Amino acid sequence: WDKGKGCDTFGPIGPWLVTTDEITNPQVLDVWLDVNGERRQSSNTKNMIFPCAKLVSYVSNYMTLLAGDIITTGTPAGVALGMKPTQAWLKPGDVVTLGIKGLGEQRQKVIPYTGK
């Protein structure tokens, strides 16, 4: 699945990052994603298949983790591929807003692909 998530310009992060001392428990955070104002995803980090601490432990067995490294964790239910009966893919002009309660939100506008 990494090919669909790791392309150039994919994976926006920010507009700011928080450090572990600013979050007492990363497993109790409400997360959401809207497309054009319509809620598509809503969950809580307590619903993650693997808790953050387990992910850090596992990944650190295979690579050196340094301060500032980011481990992506996947997404809650609600992605277009899983929608039934009709998949609602993003298209140019769509506005995607996502956030984590207490941390903030970010917004991106989908633009047409113009090639390299």
N, C-alpha and C. Protein backbone atom coordinates (compact mmCIF):
# COMPACT_ATOMS: atom_id res chain seq x y z
N TRP A 1 0.81 -1.20 0.00
CA TRP A 1 0.00 0.00 0.00
C TRP A 1 0.84 1.26 0.00
N ASP A 2 2.13 1.12 0.21
CA ASP A 2 2.98 2.30 0.31
C ASP A 2 3.04 3.09 -1.00
N LYS A 3 2.89 2.41 -2.15
CA LYS A 3 2.92 3.13 -3.43
C LYS A 3 1.81 4.18 -3.49
N GLY A 4 0.70 3.91 -2.87
CA GLY A 4 -0.42 4.84 -2.90
C GLY A 4 -0.31 5.96 -1.89
N LYS A 5 0.65 5.86 -0.99
CA LYS A 5 0.76 6.87 0.06
C LYS A 5 2.10 7.58 0.07
N GLY A 6 3.08 7.08 -0.68
CA GLY A 6 4.42 7.62 -0.58
C GLY A 6 4.91 8.40 -1.79
N CYS A 7 4.00 8.88 -2.64
CA CYS A 7 4.41 9.62 -3.83
C CYS A 7 4.88 11.03 -3.48
N ASP A 8 5.62 11.64 -4.39
CA ASP A 8 6.03 13.04 -4.21
C ASP A 8 4.80 13.89 -3.92
N THR A 9 4.91 14.80 -3.02
CA THR A 9 3.87 15.75 -2.56
C THR A 9 2.83 15.10 -1.66
N PHE A 10 2.89 13.79 -1.43
CA PHE A 10 1.93 13.13 -0.56
C PHE A 10 2.38 13.24 0.89
N GLY A 11 1.48 13.00 1.82
CA GLY A 11 1.83 12.95 3.23
C GLY A 11 2.11 14.29 3.86
N PRO A 12 1.24 15.29 3.65
CA PRO A 12 1.51 16.58 4.29
C PRO A 12 1.51 16.46 5.80
N ILE A 13 2.42 17.16 6.43
CA ILE A 13 2.55 17.13 7.88
C ILE A 13 2.59 18.57 8.37
N GLY A 14 1.89 18.82 9.45
CA GLY A 14 1.94 20.17 10.01
C GLY A 14 0.55 20.73 10.18
N PRO A 15 0.40 22.00 10.33
CA PRO A 15 1.40 23.04 10.16
C PRO A 15 2.40 23.13 11.30
N TRP A 16 2.25 22.30 12.29
CA TRP A 16 3.23 22.25 13.37
C TRP A 16 3.31 20.82 13.88
N LEU A 17 4.35 20.52 14.59
CA LEU A 17 4.51 19.20 15.20
C LEU A 17 4.54 19.38 16.71
N VAL A 18 4.11 18.36 17.42
CA VAL A 18 4.21 18.39 18.87
C VAL A 18 5.15 17.28 19.31
N THR A 19 5.74 17.46 20.45
CA THR A 19 6.69 16.48 20.98
C THR A 19 6.00 15.63 22.03
N THR A 20 6.64 14.52 22.39
CA THR A 20 6.03 13.58 23.32
C THR A 20 5.74 14.19 24.68
N ASP A 21 6.48 15.21 25.08
CA ASP A 21 6.20 15.83 26.38
C ASP A 21 4.94 16.70 26.34
N GLU A 22 4.40 16.95 25.15
CA GLU A 22 3.19 17.76 25.02
C GLU A 22 1.92 16.91 24.95
N ILE A 23 2.07 15.61 24.84
CA ILE A 23 0.93 14.69 24.77
C ILE A 23 1.11 13.65 25.86
N THR A 24 0.27 13.69 26.88
CA THR A 24 0.43 12.73 27.97
C THR A 24 0.10 11.31 27.55
N ASN A 25 -0.91 11.14 26.69
CA ASN A 25 -1.30 9.81 26.26
C ASN A 25 -1.70 9.86 24.79
N PRO A 26 -0.86 9.34 23.89
CA PRO A 26 -1.19 9.40 22.47
C PRO A 26 -2.31 8.44 22.07
N GLN A 27 -2.81 7.65 22.99
CA GLN A 27 -3.84 6.66 22.67
C GLN A 27 -5.25 7.13 23.03
N VAL A 28 -5.46 8.43 23.22
CA VAL A 28 -6.80 8.93 23.55
C VAL A 28 -7.14 10.19 22.74
N LEU A 29 -6.68 10.26 21.50
CA LEU A 29 -6.86 11.46 20.69
C LEU A 29 -7.95 11.26 19.63
N ASP A 30 -8.93 12.17 19.60
CA ASP A 30 -9.96 12.14 18.56
C ASP A 30 -9.35 12.65 17.25
N VAL A 31 -9.59 11.91 16.17
CA VAL A 31 -9.08 12.29 14.85
C VAL A 31 -10.25 12.31 13.86
N TRP A 32 -10.17 13.20 12.86
CA TRP A 32 -11.23 13.29 11.88
C TRP A 32 -10.69 13.77 10.54
N LEU A 33 -11.50 13.53 9.51
CA LEU A 33 -11.18 14.01 8.16
C LEU A 33 -12.49 14.35 7.46
N ASP A 34 -12.55 15.54 6.89
CA ASP A 34 -13.71 15.99 6.11
C ASP A 34 -13.28 16.24 4.67
N VAL A 35 -14.18 15.97 3.73
CA VAL A 35 -13.98 16.33 2.33
C VAL A 35 -15.12 17.26 1.95
N ASN A 36 -14.78 18.48 1.58
CA ASN A 36 -15.78 19.49 1.23
C ASN A 36 -16.83 19.65 2.33
N GLY A 37 -16.39 19.59 3.58
CA GLY A 37 -17.29 19.77 4.71
C GLY A 37 -18.06 18.53 5.13
N GLU A 38 -17.92 17.43 4.39
CA GLU A 38 -18.60 16.17 4.72
C GLU A 38 -17.65 15.28 5.51
N ARG A 39 -18.06 14.85 6.69
CA ARG A 39 -17.23 13.99 7.52
C ARG A 39 -17.08 12.63 6.85
N ARG A 40 -15.84 12.24 6.57
CA ARG A 40 -15.55 10.95 5.95
C ARG A 40 -14.92 9.98 6.94
N GLN A 41 -14.16 10.52 7.90
CA GLN A 41 -13.51 9.67 8.88
C GLN A 41 -13.63 10.32 10.25
N SER A 42 -13.88 9.49 11.25
CA SER A 42 -13.95 9.96 12.63
C SER A 42 -13.58 8.78 13.52
N SER A 43 -12.56 8.96 14.33
CA SER A 43 -12.13 7.86 15.18
C SER A 43 -11.34 8.41 16.36
N ASN A 44 -10.68 7.53 17.05
CA ASN A 44 -9.85 7.89 18.20
C ASN A 44 -8.63 6.98 18.15
N THR A 45 -7.50 7.50 18.57
CA THR A 45 -6.27 6.70 18.52
C THR A 45 -6.35 5.45 19.40
N LYS A 46 -7.31 5.39 20.32
CA LYS A 46 -7.47 4.17 21.12
C LYS A 46 -7.90 2.99 20.25
N ASN A 47 -8.40 3.28 19.05
CA ASN A 47 -8.86 2.24 18.13
C ASN A 47 -7.77 1.73 17.19
N MET A 48 -6.56 2.23 17.35
CA MET A 48 -5.46 1.77 16.50
C MET A 48 -5.21 0.28 16.72
N ILE A 49 -4.85 -0.43 15.67
CA ILE A 49 -4.54 -1.85 15.79
C ILE A 49 -3.32 -2.05 16.68
N PHE A 50 -2.29 -1.23 16.48
CA PHE A 50 -1.08 -1.29 17.30
C PHE A 50 -0.90 0.05 18.00
N PRO A 51 -0.75 0.06 19.32
CA PRO A 51 -0.52 1.32 20.03
C PRO A 51 0.82 1.95 19.62
N CYS A 52 0.92 3.26 19.81
CA CYS A 52 2.13 4.00 19.41
C CYS A 52 3.39 3.40 20.02
N ALA A 53 3.37 3.07 21.30
CA ALA A 53 4.57 2.53 21.95
C ALA A 53 5.01 1.23 21.29
N LYS A 54 4.06 0.38 20.91
CA LYS A 54 4.41 -0.88 20.25
C LYS A 54 5.00 -0.60 18.86
N LEU A 55 4.46 0.37 18.14
CA LEU A 55 5.01 0.72 16.83
C LEU A 55 6.44 1.21 16.93
N VAL A 56 6.71 2.08 17.90
CA VAL A 56 8.07 2.59 18.08
C VAL A 56 9.01 1.44 18.43
N SER A 57 8.58 0.57 19.32
CA SER A 57 9.40 -0.57 19.72
C SER A 57 9.70 -1.48 18.52
N TYR A 58 8.68 -1.79 17.75
CA TYR A 58 8.84 -2.68 16.60
C TYR A 58 9.76 -2.06 15.54
N VAL A 59 9.47 -0.83 15.15
CA VAL A 59 10.25 -0.18 14.10
C VAL A 59 11.71 -0.03 14.52
N SER A 60 11.95 0.25 15.79
CA SER A 60 13.33 0.46 16.25
C SER A 60 14.16 -0.82 16.23
N ASN A 61 13.52 -1.96 16.06
CA ASN A 61 14.26 -3.21 15.88
C ASN A 61 14.88 -3.31 14.49
N TYR A 62 14.38 -2.53 13.54
CA TYR A 62 14.81 -2.66 12.15
C TYR A 62 15.51 -1.43 11.60
N MET A 63 15.40 -0.31 12.30
CA MET A 63 16.06 0.91 11.83
C MET A 63 16.33 1.82 13.02
N THR A 64 17.30 2.68 12.85
CA THR A 64 17.64 3.64 13.89
C THR A 64 16.64 4.78 13.85
N LEU A 65 16.00 5.04 14.97
CA LEU A 65 15.08 6.17 15.06
C LEU A 65 15.81 7.33 15.73
N LEU A 66 15.70 8.49 15.11
CA LEU A 66 16.33 9.70 15.63
C LEU A 66 15.26 10.72 16.01
N ALA A 67 15.64 11.66 16.85
CA ALA A 67 14.71 12.74 17.21
C ALA A 67 14.19 13.40 15.94
N GLY A 68 12.89 13.57 15.87
CA GLY A 68 12.28 14.19 14.69
C GLY A 68 11.77 13.20 13.66
N ASP A 69 12.15 11.92 13.77
CA ASP A 69 11.65 10.91 12.85
C ASP A 69 10.14 10.76 13.02
N ILE A 70 9.47 10.40 11.94
CA ILE A 70 8.02 10.24 11.95
C ILE A 70 7.68 8.82 11.53
N ILE A 71 6.81 8.17 12.28
CA ILE A 71 6.29 6.85 11.92
C ILE A 71 4.82 7.05 11.56
N THR A 72 4.48 6.78 10.32
CA THR A 72 3.08 6.91 9.92
C THR A 72 2.32 5.66 10.38
N THR A 73 1.05 5.84 10.73
CA THR A 73 0.32 4.77 11.40
C THR A 73 -0.89 4.26 10.64
N GLY A 74 -1.16 4.78 9.48
CA GLY A 74 -2.34 4.33 8.77
C GLY A 74 -3.51 5.27 9.00
N THR A 75 -4.71 4.81 8.72
CA THR A 75 -5.87 5.68 8.73
C THR A 75 -7.10 4.94 9.26
N PRO A 76 -8.05 5.66 9.85
CA PRO A 76 -9.29 5.01 10.28
C PRO A 76 -10.16 4.61 9.09
N ALA A 77 -11.20 3.86 9.37
CA ALA A 77 -12.15 3.48 8.33
C ALA A 77 -12.73 4.73 7.68
N GLY A 78 -13.08 4.63 6.39
CA GLY A 78 -13.70 5.74 5.68
C GLY A 78 -12.99 6.12 4.40
N VAL A 79 -11.93 5.39 4.04
CA VAL A 79 -11.22 5.70 2.80
C VAL A 79 -12.08 5.31 1.60
N ALA A 80 -11.86 5.95 0.47
CA ALA A 80 -12.69 5.74 -0.72
C ALA A 80 -12.72 4.27 -1.15
N LEU A 81 -11.59 3.60 -1.08
CA LEU A 81 -11.53 2.21 -1.54
C LEU A 81 -12.51 1.32 -0.79
N GLY A 82 -12.78 1.63 0.48
CA GLY A 82 -13.68 0.80 1.28
C GLY A 82 -15.13 1.22 1.23
N MET A 83 -15.46 2.28 0.50
CA MET A 83 -16.84 2.77 0.45
C MET A 83 -17.71 1.86 -0.40
N LYS A 84 -18.89 1.57 0.09
CA LYS A 84 -19.85 0.74 -0.64
C LYS A 84 -21.18 1.47 -0.67
N PRO A 85 -21.93 1.49 -1.73
CA PRO A 85 -21.62 0.84 -3.00
C PRO A 85 -20.75 1.70 -3.91
N THR A 86 -20.67 3.01 -3.66
CA THR A 86 -19.95 3.91 -4.56
C THR A 86 -18.72 4.48 -3.89
N GLN A 87 -17.60 4.38 -4.55
CA GLN A 87 -16.36 4.95 -4.02
C GLN A 87 -16.29 6.43 -4.37
N ALA A 88 -15.98 7.26 -3.39
CA ALA A 88 -15.93 8.72 -3.59
C ALA A 88 -14.48 9.17 -3.62
N TRP A 89 -13.85 9.10 -4.79
CA TRP A 89 -12.44 9.47 -4.93
C TRP A 89 -12.29 10.99 -4.91
N LEU A 90 -11.16 11.46 -4.45
CA LEU A 90 -10.87 12.90 -4.47
C LEU A 90 -10.71 13.36 -5.91
N LYS A 91 -11.12 14.61 -6.17
CA LYS A 91 -11.00 15.18 -7.51
C LYS A 91 -10.54 16.63 -7.39
N PRO A 92 -9.99 17.19 -8.47
CA PRO A 92 -9.53 18.58 -8.41
C PRO A 92 -10.63 19.50 -7.89
N GLY A 93 -10.23 20.38 -6.99
CA GLY A 93 -11.16 21.33 -6.38
C GLY A 93 -11.65 20.90 -5.01
N ASP A 94 -11.57 19.60 -4.71
CA ASP A 94 -11.98 19.13 -3.38
C ASP A 94 -11.09 19.75 -2.31
N VAL A 95 -11.68 20.02 -1.15
CA VAL A 95 -10.93 20.54 -0.01
C VAL A 95 -10.97 19.49 1.10
N VAL A 96 -9.80 19.06 1.53
CA VAL A 96 -9.67 18.05 2.57
C VAL A 96 -9.20 18.74 3.85
N THR A 97 -9.96 18.56 4.92
CA THR A 97 -9.60 19.11 6.22
C THR A 97 -9.48 17.95 7.19
N LEU A 98 -8.36 17.89 7.90
CA LEU A 98 -8.18 16.82 8.87
C LEU A 98 -7.63 17.41 10.15
N GLY A 99 -7.91 16.72 11.25
CA GLY A 99 -7.44 17.27 12.51
C GLY A 99 -7.37 16.25 13.62
N ILE A 100 -6.73 16.68 14.69
CA ILE A 100 -6.65 15.92 15.93
C ILE A 100 -7.07 16.87 17.04
N LYS A 101 -8.10 16.47 17.80
CA LYS A 101 -8.64 17.34 18.85
C LYS A 101 -7.54 17.75 19.82
N GLY A 102 -7.45 19.04 20.05
CA GLY A 102 -6.46 19.57 20.97
C GLY A 102 -5.12 19.87 20.35
N LEU A 103 -4.88 19.38 19.13
CA LEU A 103 -3.61 19.62 18.46
C LEU A 103 -3.74 20.58 17.29
N GLY A 104 -4.86 20.53 16.58
CA GLY A 104 -5.06 21.44 15.46
C GLY A 104 -5.56 20.71 14.23
N GLU A 105 -5.63 21.44 13.14
CA GLU A 105 -6.09 20.86 11.88
C GLU A 105 -5.30 21.46 10.73
N GLN A 106 -5.39 20.77 9.59
CA GLN A 106 -4.77 21.27 8.36
C GLN A 106 -5.76 21.10 7.23
N ARG A 107 -5.54 21.87 6.19
CA ARG A 107 -6.47 21.87 5.06
C ARG A 107 -5.65 21.87 3.77
N GLN A 108 -6.05 21.02 2.84
CA GLN A 108 -5.42 20.98 1.52
C GLN A 108 -6.50 21.04 0.45
N LYS A 109 -6.16 21.68 -0.65
CA LYS A 109 -7.05 21.70 -1.81
C LYS A 109 -6.43 20.79 -2.87
N VAL A 110 -7.25 19.90 -3.42
CA VAL A 110 -6.78 18.98 -4.45
C VAL A 110 -6.66 19.77 -5.76
N ILE A 111 -5.50 19.66 -6.39
CA ILE A 111 -5.27 20.35 -7.66
C ILE A 111 -5.04 19.31 -8.76
N PRO A 112 -5.29 19.68 -10.01
CA PRO A 112 -5.10 18.72 -11.10
C PRO A 112 -3.63 18.35 -11.27
N TYR A 113 -3.40 17.12 -11.67
CA TYR A 113 -2.05 16.66 -11.98
C TYR A 113 -1.65 17.26 -13.32
N THR A 114 -0.48 17.86 -13.35
CA THR A 114 -0.02 18.49 -14.60
C THR A 114 1.20 17.80 -15.19
N GLY A 115 1.62 16.70 -14.59
CA GLY A 115 2.81 16.00 -15.07
C GLY A 115 4.07 16.63 -14.51
N LYS A 116 5.19 16.01 -14.84
CA LYS A 116 6.47 16.52 -14.30
C LYS A 116 7.15 17.43 -15.27
